[in-house]
C-alpha atoms as a PDB file:
ATOM      1  CA  UNK A   1      26.041 -34.690  45.307  1.00  0.00           C
ATOM      2  CA  UNK A   2      24.804 -32.320  48.008  1.00  0.00           C
ATOM      3  CA  UNK A   3      24.268 -28.636  47.228  1.00  0.00           C
ATOM      4  CA  UNK A   4      23.876 -26.087  50.009  1.00  0.00           C
ATOM      5  CA  UNK A   5      21.250 -23.439  49.235  1.00  0.00           C
ATOM      6  CA  UNK A   6      20.598 -20.183  51.039  1.00  0.00           C
ATOM      7  CA  UNK A   7      16.894 -19.523  51.441  1.00  0.00           C
ATOM      8  CA  UNK A   8      15.524 -16.042  52.035  1.00  0.00           C
ATOM      9  CA  UNK A   9      11.972 -14.732  52.303  1.00  0.00           C
ATOM     10  CA  UNK A  10      12.167 -13.561  48.697  1.00  0.00           C
ATOM     11  CA  UNK A  11      12.451 -17.202  47.576  1.00  0.00           C
ATOM     12  CA  UNK A  12       8.846 -17.666  48.727  1.00  0.00           C
ATOM     13  CA  UNK A  13       9.436 -21.127  50.211  1.00  0.00           C
ATOM     14  CA  UNK A  14       7.097 -20.397  53.084  1.00  0.00           C
ATOM     15  CA  UNK A  15       7.351 -23.819  54.683  1.00  0.00           C
ATOM     16  CA  UNK A  16      10.957 -22.983  55.502  1.00  0.00           C
ATOM     17  CA  UNK A  17      10.925 -19.210  55.983  1.00  0.00           C
ATOM     18  CA  UNK A  18       7.447 -18.851  57.550  1.00  0.00           C
ATOM     19  CA  UNK A  19       6.481 -22.336  58.787  1.00  0.00           C
ATOM     20  CA  UNK A  20       3.682 -21.006  61.048  1.00  0.00           C
ATOM     21  CA  UNK A  21       2.089 -18.844  58.366  1.00  0.00           C
ATOM     22  CA  UNK A  22      -1.316 -19.448  56.756  1.00  0.00           C
ATOM     23  CA  UNK A  23       0.432 -20.077  53.430  1.00  0.00           C
ATOM     24  CA  UNK A  24       2.544 -22.862  54.926  1.00  0.00           C
ATOM     25  CA  UNK A  25      -0.590 -24.375  56.422  1.00  0.00           C
ATOM     26  CA  UNK A  26      -2.249 -24.439  53.008  1.00  0.00           C
ATOM     27  CA  UNK A  27       0.613 -26.502  51.581  1.00  0.00           C
ATOM     28  CA  UNK A  28       0.301 -28.951  54.449  1.00  0.00           C
ATOM     29  CA  UNK A  29      -3.383 -29.197  53.620  1.00  0.00           C
ATOM     30  CA  UNK A  30      -2.524 -29.853  49.957  1.00  0.00           C
ATOM     31  CA  UNK A  31      -0.173 -32.620  51.098  1.00  0.00           C
ATOM     32  CA  UNK A  32      -2.977 -34.166  53.142  1.00  0.00           C
ATOM     33  CA  UNK A  33      -5.368 -34.135  50.193  1.00  0.00           C
ATOM     34  CA  UNK A  34      -2.782 -35.721  47.901  1.00  0.00           C
ATOM     35  CA  UNK A  35      -2.217 -38.459  50.477  1.00  0.00           C
ATOM     36  CA  UNK A  36      -5.945 -39.113  50.615  1.00  0.00           C
ATOM     37  CA  UNK A  37      -6.096 -39.309  46.833  1.00  0.00           C
ATOM     38  CA  UNK A  38      -3.075 -41.592  46.771  1.00  0.00           C
ATOM     39  CA  UNK A  39      -4.945 -44.101  48.906  1.00  0.00           C
ATOM     40  CA  UNK A  40      -7.414 -44.619  46.051  1.00  0.00           C
ATOM     41  CA  UNK A  41      -5.405 -44.197  42.834  1.00  0.00           C
ATOM     42  CA  UNK A  42      -1.818 -44.574  41.614  1.00  0.00           C
ATOM     43  CA  UNK A  43      -0.253 -41.237  42.448  1.00  0.00           C
ATOM     44  CA  UNK A  44       3.479 -40.766  42.609  1.00  0.00           C
ATOM     45  CA  UNK A  45       4.483 -38.581  39.668  1.00  0.00           C
ATOM     46  CA  UNK A  46       2.799 -35.179  39.392  1.00  0.00           C
ATOM     47  CA  UNK A  47       3.118 -32.512  36.712  1.00  0.00           C
ATOM     48  CA  UNK A  48       2.888 -28.999  38.162  1.00  0.00           C
ATOM     49  CA  UNK A  49       1.732 -26.608  35.468  1.00  0.00           C
ATOM     50  CA  UNK A  50      -0.436 -23.534  34.996  1.00  0.00           C
ATOM     51  CA  UNK A  51      -2.902 -22.186  32.500  1.00  0.00           C
ATOM     52  CA  UNK A  52      -0.762 -19.136  31.672  1.00  0.00           C
ATOM     53  CA  UNK A  53       2.649 -17.661  32.541  1.00  0.00           C
ATOM     54  CA  UNK A  54       3.056 -15.800  35.850  1.00  0.00           C
ATOM     55  CA  UNK A  55       0.471 -17.930  37.671  1.00  0.00           C
ATOM     56  CA  UNK A  56       3.057 -19.075  40.231  1.00  0.00           C
ATOM     57  CA  UNK A  57       3.491 -22.738  39.302  1.00  0.00           C
ATOM     58  CA  UNK A  58       7.201 -22.856  40.148  1.00  0.00           C
ATOM     59  CA  UNK A  59       6.638 -21.376  43.618  1.00  0.00           C
ATOM     60  CA  UNK A  60       3.929 -23.975  44.194  1.00  0.00           C
ATOM     61  CA  UNK A  61       6.284 -26.735  43.019  1.00  0.00           C
ATOM     62  CA  UNK A  62       9.024 -25.629  45.436  1.00  0.00           C
ATOM     63  CA  UNK A  63       6.673 -25.462  48.403  1.00  0.00           C
ATOM     64  CA  UNK A  64       4.968 -28.731  47.568  1.00  0.00           C
ATOM     65  CA  UNK A  65       8.353 -30.457  47.412  1.00  0.00           C
ATOM     66  CA  UNK A  66       9.021 -29.110  50.909  1.00  0.00           C
ATOM     67  CA  UNK A  67       5.651 -30.301  52.182  1.00  0.00           C
ATOM     68  CA  UNK A  68       5.863 -33.781  50.693  1.00  0.00           C
ATOM     69  CA  UNK A  69       9.423 -34.383  51.911  1.00  0.00           C
ATOM     70  CA  UNK A  70       8.269 -34.028  55.546  1.00  0.00           C
ATOM     71  CA  UNK A  71      11.704 -32.794  56.654  1.00  0.00           C
ATOM     72  CA  UNK A  72      13.508 -35.578  54.850  1.00  0.00           C
ATOM     73  CA  UNK A  73      11.276 -38.459  55.921  1.00  0.00           C
ATOM     74  CA  UNK A  74      10.105 -38.909  52.320  1.00  0.00           C
ATOM     75  CA  UNK A  75      12.352 -38.873  49.274  1.00  0.00           C
ATOM     76  CA  UNK A  76      11.040 -36.208  46.894  1.00  0.00           C
ATOM     77  CA  UNK A  77      12.475 -35.331  43.492  1.00  0.00           C
ATOM     78  CA  UNK A  78      11.596 -32.106  41.687  1.00  0.00           C
ATOM     79  CA  UNK A  79      12.367 -32.177  37.952  1.00  0.00           C
ATOM     80  CA  UNK A  80      12.945 -28.795  36.323  1.00  0.00           C
ATOM     81  CA  UNK A  81      11.275 -29.609  33.008  1.00  0.00           C
ATOM     82  CA  UNK A  82      10.651 -26.026  31.880  1.00  0.00           C
ATOM     83  CA  UNK A  83      13.500 -26.021  29.388  1.00  0.00           C
ATOM     84  CA  UNK A  84      12.275 -22.815  27.740  1.00  0.00           C
ATOM     85  CA  UNK A  85      12.455 -20.630  30.838  1.00  0.00           C
ATOM     86  CA  UNK A  86      13.873 -22.586  33.809  1.00  0.00           C
ATOM     87  CA  UNK A  87      13.563 -20.676  37.060  1.00  0.00           C
ATOM     88  CA  UNK A  88      13.991 -23.176  39.898  1.00  0.00           C
ATOM     89  CA  UNK A  89      17.788 -23.229  39.915  1.00  0.00           C
ATOM     90  CA  UNK A  90      17.914 -19.433  39.797  1.00  0.00           C
ATOM     91  CA  UNK A  91      15.417 -19.098  42.634  1.00  0.00           C
ATOM     92  CA  UNK A  92      17.490 -21.473  44.740  1.00  0.00           C
ATOM     93  CA  UNK A  93      20.744 -19.727  43.825  1.00  0.00           C
ATOM     94  CA  UNK A  94      22.213 -22.850  42.227  1.00  0.00           C
ATOM     95  CA  UNK A  95      24.783 -22.539  39.452  1.00  0.00           C
ATOM     96  CA  UNK A  96      23.516 -23.909  36.171  1.00  0.00           C
ATOM     97  CA  UNK A  97      24.959 -27.373  35.530  1.00  0.00           C
ATOM     98  CA  UNK A  98      24.214 -30.344  33.304  1.00  0.00           C
ATOM     99  CA  UNK A  99      20.758 -31.751  33.869  1.00  0.00           C
ATOM    100  CA  UNK A 100      17.568 -32.842  32.143  1.00  0.00           C
ATOM    101  CA  UNK A 101      18.488 -31.415  28.731  1.00  0.00           C
ATOM    102  CA  UNK A 102      21.674 -33.466  28.629  1.00  0.00           C
ATOM    103  CA  UNK A 103      19.768 -36.558  29.800  1.00  0.00           C
ATOM    104  CA  UNK A 104      17.276 -36.152  26.960  1.00  0.00           C
ATOM    105  CA  UNK A 105      20.053 -35.683  24.439  1.00  0.00           C
ATOM    106  CA  UNK A 106      21.191 -39.136  25.465  1.00  0.00           C
ATOM    107  CA  UNK A 107      24.631 -38.576  26.935  1.00  0.00           C
ATOM    108  CA  UNK A 108      23.970 -38.258  30.670  1.00  0.00           C
ATOM    109  CA  UNK A 109      22.648 -40.672  33.288  1.00  0.00           C
ATOM    110  CA  UNK A 110      19.828 -38.832  35.125  1.00  0.00           C
ATOM    111  CA  UNK A 111      20.893 -40.321  38.468  1.00  0.00           C
ATOM    112  CA  UNK A 112      24.264 -38.593  38.139  1.00  0.00           C
ATOM    113  CA  UNK A 113      22.604 -35.213  37.479  1.00  0.00           C
ATOM    114  CA  UNK A 114      20.363 -35.221  40.573  1.00  0.00           C
ATOM    115  CA  UNK A 115      21.371 -32.973  43.466  1.00  0.00           C
ATOM    116  CA  UNK A 116      20.294 -33.263  47.106  1.00  0.00           C
ATOM    117  CA  UNK A 117      19.453 -29.798  48.413  1.00  0.00           C
ATOM    118  CA  UNK A 118      20.261 -28.828  51.976  1.00  0.00           C
ATOM    119  CA  UNK A 119      18.713 -27.667  54.238  1.00  0.00           C
ATOM    120  CA  UNK A 120      15.629 -28.361  52.084  1.00  0.00           C
ATOM    121  CA  UNK A 121      16.111 -32.150  52.347  1.00  0.00           C
ATOM    122  CA  UNK A 122      14.766 -33.008  48.926  1.00  0.00           C
ATOM    123  CA  UNK A 123      16.268 -33.565  45.466  1.00  0.00           C
ATOM    124  CA  UNK A 124      16.443 -31.584  42.225  1.00  0.00           C
ATOM    125  CA  UNK A 125      17.084 -32.646  38.642  1.00  0.00           C
ATOM    126  CA  UNK A 126      17.935 -29.253  37.106  1.00  0.00           C
ATOM    127  CA  UNK A 127      17.034 -28.229  33.576  1.00  0.00           C
ATOM    128  CA  UNK A 128      20.622 -28.231  32.382  1.00  0.00           C
ATOM    129  CA  UNK A 129      22.270 -26.011  29.811  1.00  0.00           C
ATOM    130  CA  UNK A 130      20.157 -24.013  27.310  1.00  0.00           C
ATOM    131  CA  UNK A 131      19.060 -25.915  24.222  1.00  0.00           C
ATOM    132  CA  UNK A 132      17.569 -24.765  20.961  1.00  0.00           C
ATOM    133  CA  UNK A 133      14.862 -27.427  20.661  1.00  0.00           C
ATOM    134  CA  UNK A 134      13.369 -28.076  24.131  1.00  0.00           C
ATOM    135  CA  UNK A 135       9.939 -29.151  22.892  1.00  0.00           C
ATOM    136  CA  UNK A 136      11.476 -31.668  20.487  1.00  0.00           C
ATOM    137  CA  UNK A 137      13.463 -33.172  23.348  1.00  0.00           C
ATOM    138  CA  UNK A 138      10.275 -33.734  25.351  1.00  0.00           C
ATOM    139  CA  UNK A 139       8.503 -35.217  22.320  1.00  0.00           C
ATOM    140  CA  UNK A 140      10.838 -38.185  22.279  1.00  0.00           C
ATOM    141  CA  UNK A 141      10.461 -41.249  24.471  1.00  0.00           C
ATOM    142  CA  UNK A 142      13.561 -40.197  26.384  1.00  0.00           C
ATOM    143  CA  UNK A 143      11.648 -38.103  28.927  1.00  0.00           C
ATOM    144  CA  UNK A 144       9.512 -41.077  29.886  1.00  0.00           C
ATOM    145  CA  UNK A 145      12.678 -43.145  30.154  1.00  0.00           C
ATOM    146  CA  UNK A 146      14.220 -40.577  32.521  1.00  0.00           C
ATOM    147  CA  UNK A 147      11.153 -40.638  34.779  1.00  0.00           C
ATOM    148  CA  UNK A 148      11.053 -44.420  34.727  1.00  0.00           C
ATOM    149  CA  UNK A 149      14.738 -44.705  35.630  1.00  0.00           C
ATOM    150  CA  UNK A 150      14.592 -42.386  38.645  1.00  0.00           C
ATOM    151  CA  UNK A 151      11.182 -43.509  39.887  1.00  0.00           C
ATOM    152  CA  UNK A 152      12.336 -46.464  42.078  1.00  0.00           C
ATOM    153  CA  UNK A 153      14.473 -44.151  44.215  1.00  0.00           C
ATOM    154  CA  UNK A 154      11.773 -41.670  45.249  1.00  0.00           C
ATOM    155  CA  UNK A 155       8.445 -41.562  47.079  1.00  0.00           C
ATOM    156  CA  UNK A 156       7.214 -38.551  45.087  1.00  0.00           C
ATOM    157  CA  UNK A 157       8.305 -37.033  41.764  1.00  0.00           C
ATOM    158  CA  UNK A 158       7.181 -33.511  40.857  1.00  0.00           C
ATOM    159  CA  UNK A 159       7.654 -32.151  37.333  1.00  0.00           C
ATOM    160  CA  UNK A 160       7.695 -28.382  36.861  1.00  0.00           C
ATOM    161  CA  UNK A 161       6.714 -27.668  33.244  1.00  0.00           C
ATOM    162  CA  UNK A 162       5.956 -24.584  31.155  1.00  0.00           C
ATOM    163  CA  UNK A 163       2.350 -23.310  31.204  1.00  0.00           C
ATOM    164  CA  UNK A 164      -0.189 -25.171  29.100  1.00  0.00           C
ATOM    165  CA  UNK A 165      -0.536 -22.140  26.813  1.00  0.00           C
ATOM    166  CA  UNK A 166       1.088 -21.415  24.450  1.00  0.00           C
ATOM    167  CA  UNK A 167       3.461 -24.436  24.551  1.00  0.00           C
ATOM    168  CA  UNK A 168       2.768 -28.166  24.333  1.00  0.00           C
ATOM    169  CA  UNK A 169       5.535 -29.200  26.764  1.00  0.00           C
ATOM    170  CA  UNK A 170       3.186 -29.709  29.727  1.00  0.00           C
ATOM    171  CA  UNK A 171       0.991 -32.008  27.656  1.00  0.00           C
ATOM    172  CA  UNK A 172       4.020 -34.028  26.584  1.00  0.00           C
ATOM    173  CA  UNK A 173       5.347 -34.329  30.147  1.00  0.00           C
ATOM    174  CA  UNK A 174       1.892 -35.286  31.429  1.00  0.00           C
ATOM    175  CA  UNK A 175       2.092 -38.506  29.393  1.00  0.00           C
ATOM    176  CA  UNK A 176       4.790 -39.697  31.808  1.00  0.00           C
ATOM    177  CA  UNK A 177       2.959 -38.613  34.970  1.00  0.00           C
ATOM    178  CA  UNK A 178       0.154 -40.117  37.024  1.00  0.00           C
ATOM    179  CA  UNK A 179      -1.708 -36.804  37.269  1.00  0.00           C
ATOM    180  CA  UNK A 180      -1.394 -33.026  37.030  1.00  0.00           C
ATOM    181  CA  UNK A 181      -1.891 -30.092  39.361  1.00  0.00           C
ATOM    182  CA  UNK A 182      -3.093 -26.961  37.582  1.00  0.00           C
ATOM    183  CA  UNK A 183      -2.091 -23.663  39.182  1.00  0.00           C
ATOM    184  CA  UNK A 184      -4.320 -20.633  38.560  1.00  0.00           C
ATOM    185  CA  UNK A 185      -3.803 -17.150  39.945  1.00  0.00           C
ATOM    186  CA  UNK A 186      -6.611 -15.371  41.736  1.00  0.00           C
ATOM    187  CA  UNK A 187      -7.937 -12.283  39.956  1.00  0.00           C
ATOM    188  CA  UNK A 188      -5.561 -12.840  37.055  1.00  0.00           C
ATOM    189  CA  UNK A 189      -6.104 -16.133  35.213  1.00  0.00           C
ATOM    190  CA  UNK A 190      -9.157 -15.851  32.923  1.00  0.00           C
ATOM    191  CA  UNK A 191     -11.772 -18.569  33.298  1.00  0.00           C
ATOM    192  CA  UNK A 192     -11.504 -19.304  29.582  1.00  0.00           C
ATOM    193  CA  UNK A 193      -7.787 -20.055  29.972  1.00  0.00           C
ATOM    194  CA  UNK A 194      -8.536 -22.440  32.846  1.00  0.00           C
ATOM    195  CA  UNK A 195     -11.217 -24.203  30.807  1.00  0.00           C
ATOM    196  CA  UNK A 196      -8.853 -24.525  27.846  1.00  0.00           C
ATOM    197  CA  UNK A 197      -6.065 -25.927  30.039  1.00  0.00           C
ATOM    198  CA  UNK A 198      -8.401 -28.486  31.617  1.00  0.00           C
ATOM    199  CA  UNK A 199      -9.642 -29.556  28.195  1.00  0.00           C
ATOM    200  CA  UNK A 200      -6.097 -29.997  26.871  1.00  0.00           C
ATOM    201  CA  UNK A 201      -4.797 -31.870  29.907  1.00  0.00           C
ATOM    202  CA  UNK A 202      -7.967 -33.917  30.217  1.00  0.00           C
ATOM    203  CA  UNK A 203     -10.173 -33.409  33.295  1.00  0.00           C
ATOM    204  CA  UNK A 204      -9.613 -36.984  34.477  1.00  0.00           C
ATOM    205  CA  UNK A 205      -5.856 -36.410  34.444  1.00  0.00           C
ATOM    206  CA  UNK A 206      -6.018 -33.303  36.672  1.00  0.00           C
ATOM    207  CA  UNK A 207      -5.756 -34.222  40.349  1.00  0.00           C
ATOM    208  CA  UNK A 208      -6.728 -30.721  41.415  1.00  0.00           C
ATOM    209  CA  UNK A 209      -6.530 -26.988  40.885  1.00  0.00           C
ATOM    210  CA  UNK A 210      -4.294 -24.885  43.134  1.00  0.00           C
ATOM    211  CA  UNK A 211      -5.753 -21.411  43.667  1.00  0.00           C
ATOM    212  CA  UNK A 212      -2.701 -19.216  44.078  1.00  0.00           C
ATOM    213  CA  UNK A 213      -2.325 -15.713  45.589  1.00  0.00           C
ATOM    214  CA  UNK A 214      -5.874 -15.597  46.932  1.00  0.00           C
ATOM    215  CA  UNK A 215      -6.523 -12.294  48.692  1.00  0.00           C
ATOM    216  CA  UNK A 216      -8.018 -12.439  52.169  1.00  0.00           C
ATOM    217  CA  UNK A 217      -6.312 -15.634  53.347  1.00  0.00           C
ATOM    218  CA  UNK A 218      -4.472 -13.818  56.123  1.00  0.00           C
ATOM    219  CA  UNK A 219      -7.735 -12.199  57.183  1.00  0.00           C
ATOM    220  CA  UNK A 220      -9.380 -15.607  57.519  1.00  0.00           C
ATOM    221  CA  UNK A 221      -6.547 -16.686  59.800  1.00  0.00           C
ATOM    222  CA  UNK A 222      -6.316 -13.437  61.758  1.00  0.00           C
ATOM    223  CA  UNK A 223      -8.272 -14.713  64.766  1.00  0.00           C
ATOM    224  CA  UNK A 224      -5.746 -17.540  65.078  1.00  0.00           C
ATOM    225  CA  UNK A 225      -2.723 -15.235  64.987  1.00  0.00           C
ATOM    226  CA  UNK A 226      -1.988 -15.869  68.663  1.00  0.00           C
ATOM    227  CA  UNK A 227      -2.093 -19.601  68.062  1.00  0.00           C
ATOM    228  CA  UNK A 228       0.295 -19.417  65.114  1.00  0.00           C
ATOM    229  CA  UNK A 229       2.680 -17.320  67.213  1.00  0.00           C
ATOM    230  CA  UNK A 230       3.045 -19.948  69.929  1.00  0.00           C
ATOM    231  CA  UNK A 231       6.115 -22.115  70.161  1.00  0.00           C
END
């Protein structure tokens, strides 16, 4: 099914609302680096997580889905696997429907729960209805089965999970992924929290660290402002 979403600047999907901005350029650069990495290792399914809450992992996941889809030329699926505090559907203004939770409980085919988002041109498997035991659902083999079932239909699969601390959900989801991206927030995430997250995820399983909300980025691009304003 196709769902129409209305995107505003407040949604922070800069590749759609501000495609010529420095922030949008940084996500294109991240896409390039992931492509380079993919040429050397198996890399299709990525967990997007953070060391702590409020680091911006869900915003990064939304923008990375936009970047990797290349305006619909690549089939990208974003799985809303933060069953404790799902935010993707709310950010996109999508009504909460059956999704991952129902798939993990064993009574829903994940392919029937996936929605194609327009004009974003990528796909979402929403979290589903609230459940009382989200971590237990991810502890079963069912999550891996969901990823395995949908994998043949997509070029990239992104999994938005809760932060590494204080929950174990990201670690459980990472078992079904090829690698992880760890989001840290400039001037907010303590180094000790980053070190702890890397240790828990396993340094070899972390494809990279995304440095979010770095001050001064616009200043670095200021001399190119005329270039970015051209059509």
